[in-house]
C-alpha atoms as a PDB file:
ATOM      1  CA  MET A   1       4.525  80.711 232.964  1.00  0.00           C
ATOM      2  CA  ALA A   2       7.152  80.742 235.690  1.00  0.00           C
ATOM      3  CA  THR A   3      10.873  80.184 235.479  1.00  0.00           C
ATOM      4  CA  LYS A   4      12.156  76.696 236.242  1.00  0.00           C
ATOM      5  CA  ASN A   5      13.377  77.591 239.712  1.00  0.00           C
ATOM      6  CA  SER A   6      10.204  79.405 240.805  1.00  0.00           C
ATOM      7  CA  SER A   7       6.930  78.047 242.151  1.00  0.00           C
ATOM      8  CA  VAL A   8       5.116  81.350 241.556  1.00  0.00           C
ATOM      9  CA  THR A   9       3.093  81.584 238.324  1.00  0.00           C
ATOM     10  CA  GLU A  10       1.518  84.985 239.026  1.00  0.00           C
ATOM     11  CA  PHE A  11       2.037  88.069 241.156  1.00  0.00           C
ATOM     12  CA  ILE A  12      -0.368  90.442 242.870  1.00  0.00           C
ATOM     13  CA  LEU A  13       0.540  94.128 242.581  1.00  0.00           C
ATOM     14  CA  ALA A  14      -0.249  95.895 245.872  1.00  0.00           C
ATOM     15  CA  GLY A  15      -0.729  99.233 244.119  1.00  0.00           C
ATOM     16  CA  LEU A  16       0.005 102.731 245.306  1.00  0.00           C
ATOM     17  CA  THR A  17      -2.210 102.690 248.422  1.00  0.00           C
ATOM     18  CA  ASP A  18      -4.524 100.326 250.284  1.00  0.00           C
ATOM     19  CA  GLN A  19      -6.873 103.049 251.576  1.00  0.00           C
ATOM     20  CA  PRO A  20     -10.339 102.484 250.011  1.00  0.00           C
ATOM     21  CA  GLY A  21     -11.344 106.147 250.166  1.00  0.00           C
ATOM     22  CA  LEU A  22      -8.425 107.156 247.914  1.00  0.00           C
ATOM     23  CA  GLN A  23      -8.848 104.510 245.208  1.00  0.00           C
ATOM     24  CA  ILE A  24     -11.443 106.242 242.987  1.00  0.00           C
ATOM     25  CA  PRO A  25      -9.990 109.793 243.260  1.00  0.00           C
ATOM     26  CA  LEU A  26      -6.517 108.423 242.468  1.00  0.00           C
ATOM     27  CA  PHE A  27      -7.899 106.397 239.557  1.00  0.00           C
ATOM     28  CA  PHE A  28      -9.392 109.473 237.869  1.00  0.00           C
ATOM     29  CA  SER A  29      -6.343 111.625 238.716  1.00  0.00           C
ATOM     30  CA  PHE A  30      -3.861 109.195 237.143  1.00  0.00           C
ATOM     31  CA  LEU A  31      -6.214 108.526 234.236  1.00  0.00           C
ATOM     32  CA  CYS A  32      -6.166 112.276 233.502  1.00  0.00           C
ATOM     33  CA  PHE A  33      -2.365 112.310 233.859  1.00  0.00           C
ATOM     34  CA  TYR A  34      -2.083 109.409 231.406  1.00  0.00           C
ATOM     35  CA  VAL A  35      -4.392 111.026 228.840  1.00  0.00           C
ATOM     36  CA  ILE A  36      -2.375 114.276 229.037  1.00  0.00           C
ATOM     37  CA  THR A  37       0.864 112.274 228.704  1.00  0.00           C
ATOM     38  CA  VAL A  38      -0.390 110.428 225.619  1.00  0.00           C
ATOM     39  CA  VAL A  39      -1.824 113.546 223.956  1.00  0.00           C
ATOM     40  CA  GLY A  40       1.244 115.653 224.831  1.00  0.00           C
ATOM     41  CA  ASN A  41       3.875 113.190 223.625  1.00  0.00           C
ATOM     42  CA  LEU A  42       2.021 112.005 220.522  1.00  0.00           C
ATOM     43  CA  GLY A  43       1.198 115.648 219.762  1.00  0.00           C
ATOM     44  CA  LEU A  44       4.875 116.619 219.969  1.00  0.00           C
ATOM     45  CA  ILE A  45       5.841 113.627 217.797  1.00  0.00           C
ATOM     46  CA  THR A  46       3.246 114.669 215.195  1.00  0.00           C
ATOM     47  CA  LEU A  47       4.306 118.322 215.345  1.00  0.00           C
ATOM     48  CA  ILE A  48       7.963 117.486 214.724  1.00  0.00           C
ATOM     49  CA  GLY A  49       7.036 115.103 211.915  1.00  0.00           C
ATOM     50  CA  LEU A  50       4.792 117.639 210.131  1.00  0.00           C
ATOM     51  CA  ASN A  51       7.020 120.735 210.308  1.00  0.00           C
ATOM     52  CA  SER A  52      10.080 120.885 208.073  1.00  0.00           C
ATOM     53  CA  HIS A  53      11.792 123.624 210.126  1.00  0.00           C
ATOM     54  CA  LEU A  54      11.888 121.218 213.087  1.00  0.00           C
ATOM     55  CA  GLN A  55      13.929 118.656 211.122  1.00  0.00           C
ATOM     56  CA  LYS A  56      17.076 119.395 213.130  1.00  0.00           C
ATOM     57  CA  PRO A  57      19.212 117.181 215.392  1.00  0.00           C
ATOM     58  CA  MET A  58      17.735 118.721 218.555  1.00  0.00           C
ATOM     59  CA  TYR A  59      14.191 117.865 217.473  1.00  0.00           C
ATOM     60  CA  PHE A  60      15.262 114.469 216.119  1.00  0.00           C
ATOM     61  CA  PHE A  61      16.293 113.557 219.674  1.00  0.00           C
ATOM     62  CA  LEU A  62      13.213 115.267 221.136  1.00  0.00           C
ATOM     63  CA  PHE A  63      11.042 113.167 218.803  1.00  0.00           C
ATOM     64  CA  ASN A  64      12.623 110.006 220.228  1.00  0.00           C
ATOM     65  CA  LEU A  65      12.400 111.317 223.811  1.00  0.00           C
ATOM     66  CA  SER A  66       8.636 111.777 223.365  1.00  0.00           C
ATOM     67  CA  LEU A  67       8.354 108.314 221.822  1.00  0.00           C
ATOM     68  CA  ILE A  68      10.218 106.763 224.781  1.00  0.00           C
ATOM     69  CA  ASP A  69       8.102 108.693 227.307  1.00  0.00           C
ATOM     70  CA  PHE A  70       4.891 107.567 225.627  1.00  0.00           C
ATOM     71  CA  CYS A  71       6.028 103.929 225.491  1.00  0.00           C
ATOM     72  CA  TYR A  72       7.177 103.503 229.059  1.00  0.00           C
ATOM     73  CA  SER A  73       4.251 105.432 230.474  1.00  0.00           C
ATOM     74  CA  THR A  74       2.025 103.012 228.538  1.00  0.00           C
ATOM     75  CA  THR A  75       4.045 100.097 229.925  1.00  0.00           C
ATOM     76  CA  ILE A  76       3.243 101.129 233.521  1.00  0.00           C
ATOM     77  CA  THR A  77       0.133 103.309 233.843  1.00  0.00           C
ATOM     78  CA  PRO A  78      -2.703 101.065 232.479  1.00  0.00           C
ATOM     79  CA  LYS A  79      -1.740  98.239 234.842  1.00  0.00           C
ATOM     80  CA  MET A  80      -1.407 100.675 237.737  1.00  0.00           C
ATOM     81  CA  LEU A  81      -4.910 102.043 237.030  1.00  0.00           C
ATOM     82  CA  MET A  82      -6.316  98.521 237.392  1.00  0.00           C
ATOM     83  CA  SER A  83      -5.067  98.379 241.002  1.00  0.00           C
ATOM     84  CA  PHE A  84      -7.452 101.224 241.889  1.00  0.00           C
ATOM     85  CA  VAL A  85     -10.581  99.483 240.572  1.00  0.00           C
ATOM     86  CA  SER A  86      -9.925  95.770 241.180  1.00  0.00           C
ATOM     87  CA  LYS A  87      -9.689  93.836 244.438  1.00  0.00           C
ATOM     88  CA  LYS A  88      -6.645  91.906 243.216  1.00  0.00           C
ATOM     89  CA  ASN A  89      -4.414  93.339 240.492  1.00  0.00           C
ATOM     90  CA  ILE A  90      -2.991  90.047 239.199  1.00  0.00           C
ATOM     91  CA  ILE A  91      -0.146  89.873 236.693  1.00  0.00           C
ATOM     92  CA  LEU A  92       1.269  86.611 235.333  1.00  0.00           C
ATOM     93  CA  HIS A  93       4.927  85.809 235.980  1.00  0.00           C
ATOM     94  CA  VAL A  94       5.753  86.162 232.288  1.00  0.00           C
ATOM     95  CA  GLY A  95       3.753  89.402 232.161  1.00  0.00           C
ATOM     96  CA  CYS A  96       5.652  90.764 235.153  1.00  0.00           C
ATOM     97  CA  MET A  97       9.024  89.934 233.573  1.00  0.00           C
ATOM     98  CA  THR A  98       7.890  91.473 230.270  1.00  0.00           C
ATOM     99  CA  GLN A  99       6.755  94.685 231.976  1.00  0.00           C
ATOM    100  CA  PHE A 100      10.026  94.778 233.917  1.00  0.00           C
ATOM    101  CA  PHE A 101      12.108  94.324 230.732  1.00  0.00           C
ATOM    102  CA  PHE A 102      10.364  97.147 228.857  1.00  0.00           C
ATOM    103  CA  LEU A 103      10.471  99.415 231.926  1.00  0.00           C
ATOM    104  CA  CYS A 104      14.250  98.940 232.106  1.00  0.00           C
ATOM    105  CA  PHE A 105      14.646  99.329 228.336  1.00  0.00           C
ATOM    106  CA  PHE A 106      12.765 102.620 228.109  1.00  0.00           C
ATOM    107  CA  VAL A 107      14.166 104.136 231.322  1.00  0.00           C
ATOM    108  CA  ILE A 108      17.792 103.385 230.381  1.00  0.00           C
ATOM    109  CA  SER A 109      17.122 104.591 226.825  1.00  0.00           C
ATOM    110  CA  GLU A 110      15.785 107.858 228.260  1.00  0.00           C
ATOM    111  CA  CYS A 111      18.970 108.292 230.298  1.00  0.00           C
ATOM    112  CA  PHE A 112      21.097 108.025 227.164  1.00  0.00           C
ATOM    113  CA  ILE A 113      18.806 110.095 224.915  1.00  0.00           C
ATOM    114  CA  LEU A 114      19.076 112.929 227.463  1.00  0.00           C
ATOM    115  CA  SER A 115      22.882 112.641 227.356  1.00  0.00           C
ATOM    116  CA  ALA A 116      22.778 112.715 223.528  1.00  0.00           C
ATOM    117  CA  MET A 117      20.665 115.889 223.735  1.00  0.00           C
ATOM    118  CA  ALA A 118      23.223 117.433 226.105  1.00  0.00           C
ATOM    119  CA  TYR A 119      26.009 116.617 223.632  1.00  0.00           C
ATOM    120  CA  ASP A 120      23.947 118.194 220.845  1.00  0.00           C
ATOM    121  CA  ARG A 121      23.577 121.403 222.897  1.00  0.00           C
ATOM    122  CA  TYR A 122      27.339 121.411 223.585  1.00  0.00           C
ATOM    123  CA  VAL A 123      28.179 121.193 219.872  1.00  0.00           C
ATOM    124  CA  ALA A 124      25.551 123.817 218.960  1.00  0.00           C
ATOM    125  CA  ILE A 125      26.834 126.339 221.527  1.00  0.00           C
ATOM    126  CA  CYS A 126      30.579 125.639 221.703  1.00  0.00           C
ATOM    127  CA  LYS A 127      31.276 124.582 218.082  1.00  0.00           C
ATOM    128  CA  PRO A 128      28.590 126.327 215.986  1.00  0.00           C
ATOM    129  CA  LEU A 129      30.730 126.540 212.837  1.00  0.00           C
ATOM    130  CA  VAL A 130      31.048 122.750 212.555  1.00  0.00           C
ATOM    131  CA  TYR A 131      27.623 121.912 213.977  1.00  0.00           C
ATOM    132  CA  THR A 132      26.063 120.668 210.735  1.00  0.00           C
ATOM    133  CA  VAL A 133      29.082 118.433 210.063  1.00  0.00           C
ATOM    134  CA  THR A 134      29.469 117.144 213.634  1.00  0.00           C
ATOM    135  CA  MET A 135      25.750 116.472 214.051  1.00  0.00           C
ATOM    136  CA  SER A 136      25.124 115.098 210.579  1.00  0.00           C
ATOM    137  CA  PRO A 137      22.202 112.700 210.006  1.00  0.00           C
ATOM    138  CA  GLN A 138      24.639 109.759 210.052  1.00  0.00           C
ATOM    139  CA  VAL A 139      26.076 110.824 213.430  1.00  0.00           C
ATOM    140  CA  CYS A 140      22.580 111.373 214.865  1.00  0.00           C
ATOM    141  CA  PHE A 141      21.541 107.915 213.689  1.00  0.00           C
ATOM    142  CA  LEU A 142      24.611 106.310 215.293  1.00  0.00           C
ATOM    143  CA  LEU A 143      23.967 108.166 218.554  1.00  0.00           C
ATOM    144  CA  LEU A 144      20.348 106.996 218.519  1.00  0.00           C
ATOM    145  CA  LEU A 145      21.450 103.431 217.766  1.00  0.00           C
ATOM    146  CA  GLY A 146      23.795 103.631 220.771  1.00  0.00           C
ATOM    147  CA  VAL A 147      20.899 104.864 222.924  1.00  0.00           C
ATOM    148  CA  TYR A 148      18.706 101.866 222.120  1.00  0.00           C
ATOM    149  CA  VAL A 149      21.575  99.346 222.258  1.00  0.00           C
ATOM    150  CA  MET A 150      22.467 100.523 225.781  1.00  0.00           C
ATOM    151  CA  GLY A 151      18.785 100.351 226.719  1.00  0.00           C
ATOM    152  CA  PHE A 152      18.540  96.785 225.413  1.00  0.00           C
ATOM    153  CA  LEU A 153      21.747  95.603 227.112  1.00  0.00           C
ATOM    154  CA  GLY A 154      20.760  97.177 230.440  1.00  0.00           C
ATOM    155  CA  ALA A 155      17.271  95.673 230.259  1.00  0.00           C
ATOM    156  CA  MET A 156      18.699  92.233 229.457  1.00  0.00           C
ATOM    157  CA  ALA A 157      21.144  92.409 232.382  1.00  0.00           C
ATOM    158  CA  HIS A 158      18.431  93.488 234.848  1.00  0.00           C
ATOM    159  CA  THR A 159      15.876  90.974 233.602  1.00  0.00           C
ATOM    160  CA  GLY A 160      18.409  88.142 233.581  1.00  0.00           C
ATOM    161  CA  SER A 161      19.353  88.926 237.174  1.00  0.00           C
ATOM    162  CA  ILE A 162      15.704  88.954 238.290  1.00  0.00           C
ATOM    163  CA  MET A 163      14.802  85.777 236.380  1.00  0.00           C
ATOM    164  CA  SER A 164      17.607  83.926 238.162  1.00  0.00           C
ATOM    165  CA  LEU A 165      15.786  84.451 241.473  1.00  0.00           C
ATOM    166  CA  THR A 166      13.411  81.958 243.092  1.00  0.00           C
ATOM    167  CA  PHE A 167       9.944  83.139 244.118  1.00  0.00           C
ATOM    168  CA  CYS A 168       8.338  80.764 246.607  1.00  0.00           C
ATOM    169  CA  ALA A 169       4.999  81.158 248.393  1.00  0.00           C
ATOM    170  CA  ASP A 170       4.683  84.946 248.762  1.00  0.00           C
ATOM    171  CA  ASN A 171       3.605  86.622 245.520  1.00  0.00           C
ATOM    172  CA  LEU A 172       2.415  90.047 246.743  1.00  0.00           C
ATOM    173  CA  VAL A 173       4.591  92.713 245.094  1.00  0.00           C
ATOM    174  CA  ASN A 174       4.637  95.792 247.323  1.00  0.00           C
ATOM    175  CA  HIS A 175       4.500  98.213 244.400  1.00  0.00           C
ATOM    176  CA  PHE A 176       2.261  99.396 241.559  1.00  0.00           C
ATOM    177  CA  MET A 177       4.578  97.785 238.980  1.00  0.00           C
ATOM    178  CA  CYS A 178       7.141  95.000 238.631  1.00  0.00           C
ATOM    179  CA  ASP A 179      10.280  96.838 239.695  1.00  0.00           C
ATOM    180  CA  ILE A 180      13.735  95.742 240.812  1.00  0.00           C
ATOM    181  CA  LEU A 181      13.707  96.381 244.543  1.00  0.00           C
ATOM    182  CA  PRO A 182      10.267  94.928 245.435  1.00  0.00           C
ATOM    183  CA  LEU A 183      11.048  91.802 243.402  1.00  0.00           C
ATOM    184  CA  LEU A 184      14.377  91.413 245.192  1.00  0.00           C
ATOM    185  CA  GLU A 185      12.583  91.778 248.518  1.00  0.00           C
ATOM    186  CA  LEU A 186      10.004  89.163 247.496  1.00  0.00           C
ATOM    187  CA  SER A 187      12.539  86.566 246.382  1.00  0.00           C
ATOM    188  CA  CYS A 188      13.456  83.758 248.762  1.00  0.00           C
ATOM    189  CA  ASN A 189      17.020  83.462 247.459  1.00  0.00           C
ATOM    190  CA  SER A 190      18.026  87.021 246.653  1.00  0.00           C
ATOM    191  CA  SER A 191      21.687  87.558 247.488  1.00  0.00           C
ATOM    192  CA  TYR A 192      24.313  90.243 247.750  1.00  0.00           C
ATOM    193  CA  VAL A 193      25.407  89.331 244.205  1.00  0.00           C
ATOM    194  CA  ASN A 194      21.946  90.136 242.793  1.00  0.00           C
ATOM    195  CA  GLU A 195      21.895  93.495 244.570  1.00  0.00           C
ATOM    196  CA  LEU A 196      25.439  94.197 243.362  1.00  0.00           C
ATOM    197  CA  VAL A 197      24.465  93.433 239.750  1.00  0.00           C
ATOM    198  CA  VAL A 198      21.508  95.796 240.054  1.00  0.00           C
ATOM    199  CA  PHE A 199      23.665  98.533 241.587  1.00  0.00           C
ATOM    200  CA  ILE A 200      26.391  98.191 238.922  1.00  0.00           C
ATOM    201  CA  VAL A 201      23.971  98.198 235.975  1.00  0.00           C
ATOM    202  CA  VAL A 202      22.053 101.157 237.403  1.00  0.00           C
ATOM    203  CA  ALA A 203      25.304 103.013 238.128  1.00  0.00           C
ATOM    204  CA  ILE A 204      26.354 102.530 234.491  1.00  0.00           C
ATOM    205  CA  GLY A 205      22.893 103.307 233.099  1.00  0.00           C
ATOM    206  CA  ILE A 206      22.637 106.494 235.153  1.00  0.00           C
ATOM    207  CA  GLY A 207      26.319 107.247 235.798  1.00  0.00           C
ATOM    208  CA  MET A 208      27.549 107.336 232.176  1.00  0.00           C
ATOM    209  CA  PRO A 209      24.794 109.696 230.971  1.00  0.00           C
ATOM    210  CA  ILE A 210      25.219 111.926 234.035  1.00  0.00           C
ATOM    211  CA  VAL A 211      28.977 112.220 233.405  1.00  0.00           C
ATOM    212  CA  THR A 212      28.318 113.060 229.736  1.00  0.00           C
ATOM    213  CA  ILE A 213      25.727 115.673 230.710  1.00  0.00           C
ATOM    214  CA  LEU A 214      27.955 117.238 233.386  1.00  0.00           C
ATOM    215  CA  ILE A 215      30.940 117.473 231.023  1.00  0.00           C
ATOM    216  CA  SER A 216      28.758 118.941 228.259  1.00  0.00           C
ATOM    217  CA  TYR A 217      27.302 121.599 230.550  1.00  0.00           C
ATOM    218  CA  ALA A 218      30.675 122.368 232.122  1.00  0.00           C
ATOM    219  CA  LEU A 219      32.008 123.148 228.634  1.00  0.00           C
ATOM    220  CA  ILE A 220      28.837 125.115 227.832  1.00  0.00           C
ATOM    221  CA  LEU A 221      29.231 127.139 231.042  1.00  0.00           C
ATOM    222  CA  SER A 222      32.855 127.845 230.138  1.00  0.00           C
ATOM    223  CA  SER A 223      31.701 129.064 226.739  1.00  0.00           C
ATOM    224  CA  ILE A 224      28.985 131.231 228.311  1.00  0.00           C
ATOM    225  CA  LEU A 225      31.550 132.966 230.526  1.00  0.00           C
ATOM    226  CA  HIS A 226      33.381 134.090 227.381  1.00  0.00           C
ATOM    227  CA  ILE A 227      30.245 135.736 225.955  1.00  0.00           C
ATOM    228  CA  SER A 228      30.411 139.459 226.650  1.00  0.00           C
ATOM    229  CA  SER A 229      26.805 140.464 225.927  1.00  0.00           C
ATOM    230  CA  THR A 230      24.023 139.851 228.442  1.00  0.00           C
ATOM    231  CA  GLU A 231      21.610 139.106 225.602  1.00  0.00           C
ATOM    232  CA  GLY A 232      23.920 136.401 224.242  1.00  0.00           C
ATOM    233  CA  ARG A 233      24.212 134.731 227.636  1.00  0.00           C
ATOM    234  CA  SER A 234      20.458 134.779 228.257  1.00  0.00           C
ATOM    235  CA  LYS A 235      19.848 133.277 224.801  1.00  0.00           C
ATOM    236  CA  VAL A 236      22.167 130.347 225.630  1.00  0.00           C
ATOM    237  CA  PHE A 237      20.460 129.844 229.000  1.00  0.00           C
ATOM    238  CA  ARG A 238      17.046 129.807 227.317  1.00  0.00           C
ATOM    239  CA  THR A 239      18.312 127.230 224.833  1.00  0.00           C
ATOM    240  CA  CYS A 240      19.435 124.884 227.613  1.00  0.00           C
ATOM    241  CA  SER A 241      16.848 125.569 230.321  1.00  0.00           C
ATOM    242  CA  SER A 242      14.222 123.046 229.159  1.00  0.00           C
ATOM    243  CA  HIS A 243      16.768 120.251 228.964  1.00  0.00           C
ATOM    244  CA  ILE A 244      18.239 121.111 232.377  1.00  0.00           C
ATOM    245  CA  ILE A 245      14.768 120.983 234.011  1.00  0.00           C
ATOM    246  CA  VAL A 246      13.959 117.601 232.436  1.00  0.00           C
ATOM    247  CA  VAL A 247      17.361 116.154 233.379  1.00  0.00           C
ATOM    248  CA  SER A 248      17.034 117.340 236.987  1.00  0.00           C
ATOM    249  CA  LEU A 249      13.561 115.819 237.401  1.00  0.00           C
ATOM    250  CA  PHE A 250      14.392 112.501 235.765  1.00  0.00           C
ATOM    251  CA  PHE A 251      17.840 111.795 237.178  1.00  0.00           C
ATOM    252  CA  GLY A 252      17.001 113.238 240.594  1.00  0.00           C
ATOM    253  CA  SER A 253      14.093 110.865 241.178  1.00  0.00           C
ATOM    254  CA  GLY A 254      15.924 107.903 239.617  1.00  0.00           C
ATOM    255  CA  ALA A 255      19.070 108.389 241.689  1.00  0.00           C
ATOM    256  CA  PHE A 256      17.050 108.785 244.891  1.00  0.00           C
ATOM    257  CA  MET A 257      15.275 105.508 244.151  1.00  0.00           C
ATOM    258  CA  TYR A 258      18.104 103.279 242.947  1.00  0.00           C
ATOM    259  CA  LEU A 259      21.454 104.609 244.123  1.00  0.00           C
ATOM    260  CA  LYS A 260      20.693 103.786 247.756  1.00  0.00           C
ATOM    261  CA  PRO A 261      20.815 100.334 249.327  1.00  0.00           C
ATOM    262  CA  PRO A 262      17.259  98.926 249.691  1.00  0.00           C
ATOM    263  CA  SER A 263      17.627  98.867 253.481  1.00  0.00           C
ATOM    264  CA  LEU A 264      17.964 102.673 253.545  1.00  0.00           C
ATOM    265  CA  LEU A 265      14.877 103.395 251.419  1.00  0.00           C
ATOM    266  CA  PRO A 266      11.517 101.951 252.534  1.00  0.00           C
ATOM    267  CA  LEU A 267       9.475 100.713 249.576  1.00  0.00           C
ATOM    268  CA  ASP A 268       6.566 103.057 250.382  1.00  0.00           C
ATOM    269  CA  GLN A 269       8.933 106.006 249.852  1.00  0.00           C
ATOM    270  CA  GLY A 270      10.251 104.255 246.743  1.00  0.00           C
ATOM    271  CA  LYS A 271       6.734 104.199 245.275  1.00  0.00           C
ATOM    272  CA  VAL A 272       6.528 107.986 245.508  1.00  0.00           C
ATOM    273  CA  SER A 273       9.952 108.350 243.903  1.00  0.00           C
ATOM    274  CA  SER A 274       8.939 105.910 241.150  1.00  0.00           C
ATOM    275  CA  LEU A 275       5.879 108.052 240.395  1.00  0.00           C
ATOM    276  CA  PHE A 276       8.171 110.890 239.339  1.00  0.00           C
ATOM    277  CA  TYR A 277      10.089 109.078 236.615  1.00  0.00           C
ATOM    278  CA  THR A 278       7.201 106.831 235.442  1.00  0.00           C
ATOM    279  CA  ILE A 279       4.233 109.241 235.601  1.00  0.00           C
ATOM    280  CA  VAL A 280       5.288 112.842 236.292  1.00  0.00           C
ATOM    281  CA  VAL A 281       8.342 113.145 234.009  1.00  0.00           C
ATOM    282  CA  PRO A 282       6.613 111.773 230.853  1.00  0.00           C
ATOM    283  CA  LEU A 283       3.709 114.118 231.648  1.00  0.00           C
ATOM    284  CA  LEU A 284       5.904 117.212 232.060  1.00  0.00           C
ATOM    285  CA  ASN A 285       8.417 116.673 229.238  1.00  0.00           C
ATOM    286  CA  PRO A 286       6.156 117.714 226.323  1.00  0.00           C
ATOM    287  CA  LEU A 287       4.784 120.621 228.374  1.00  0.00           C
ATOM    288  CA  ILE A 288       8.281 121.864 229.255  1.00  0.00           C
ATOM    289  CA  TYR A 289       9.561 121.583 225.677  1.00  0.00           C
ATOM    290  CA  SER A 290       6.462 123.149 224.127  1.00  0.00           C
ATOM    291  CA  LEU A 291       5.884 126.009 226.575  1.00  0.00           C
ATOM    292  CA  ARG A 292       9.566 126.995 226.810  1.00  0.00           C
ATOM    293  CA  ASN A 293      10.541 126.490 223.155  1.00  0.00           C
ATOM    294  CA  LYS A 294       9.871 129.217 220.619  1.00  0.00           C
ATOM    295  CA  ASP A 295      10.266 126.941 217.564  1.00  0.00           C
ATOM    296  CA  VAL A 296       7.740 124.430 218.920  1.00  0.00           C
ATOM    297  CA  LYS A 297       5.216 127.178 219.732  1.00  0.00           C
ATOM    298  CA  VAL A 298       5.606 128.646 216.221  1.00  0.00           C
ATOM    299  CA  ALA A 299       5.182 125.172 214.686  1.00  0.00           C
ATOM    300  CA  LEU A 300       2.044 124.580 216.774  1.00  0.00           C
ATOM    301  CA  ARG A 301       0.529 127.913 215.693  1.00  0.00           C
ATOM    302  CA  ASN A 302       1.331 127.222 212.022  1.00  0.00           C
ATOM    303  CA  THR A 303      -0.138 123.714 212.206  1.00  0.00           C
ATOM    304  CA  LEU A 304      -3.324 124.958 213.861  1.00  0.00           C
ATOM    305  CA  ARG A 305      -3.584 127.764 211.301  1.00  0.00           C
ATOM    306  CA  ARG A 306      -3.244 125.293 208.414  1.00  0.00           C
ATOM    307  CA  LYS A 307      -5.924 123.049 209.944  1.00  0.00           C
ATOM    308  CA  THR A 308      -8.235 126.045 210.430  1.00  0.00           C
ATOM    309  CA  PHE A 309      -7.869 127.279 206.846  1.00  0.00           C
ATOM    310  CA  SER A 310      -8.201 123.791 205.383  1.00  0.00           C
END
């Protein structure tokens, strides 16, 4: 079903590449990536749910980060895999808009969940004596509610802007998913106003979390400089290192993709950038948090030991 002002009822996703010799190898590669992503994120969700000593604010947010990563990887990857094994990867207009809405919802939610995690680290390191009060279950719930509300509002704004466009004869989307920039390029009435709306919403969705993260880590760094012992400083760095790596990967690829005018970033380069925040980041997040986190490794060993003895 198309919008009233559009004659297009379906789109064709061009996929990642049009080279026949790469289709099958890429299909199996990204299938493996997706399986690892699903197992890793659902495994981390299960691990946090089963272990009482992981029922802390940090792991409450990590639980939701894994849930978001699993959901938006599932929103994108299965449809992308179809482009490697089918001659025409067709998606209905309503399906394209639905995929686009959930992509925006989960990506913006991830931006804000990462900023909530940065705030949690700030309180834990800079205000340890009031940590349990400041990060009470009620506060954590309100922060999480804010995360999903911002995700919903951002997704509605983006989707509303795209649905106001007219799509005429050309329905080939030069991407492996229904994303903002290729849909703007495809539209026959896209205007400066549409691009401005996209830029403003993206700037808010990325800019606000980045500012929160930068302020949190600036205060953490100030606190670190007042720690006299080398062991104390290294412990703080270890606590924050996983989050810093994830933030750098996610926001770096997202900013490169969206905070440039479309004319300065060819869509083929945009596809590669999109791979990072849709495929690579959800794949790496559970690995980074499990391999670099002592509590998670202990919980995994205890869970495996219980399963073995039972």
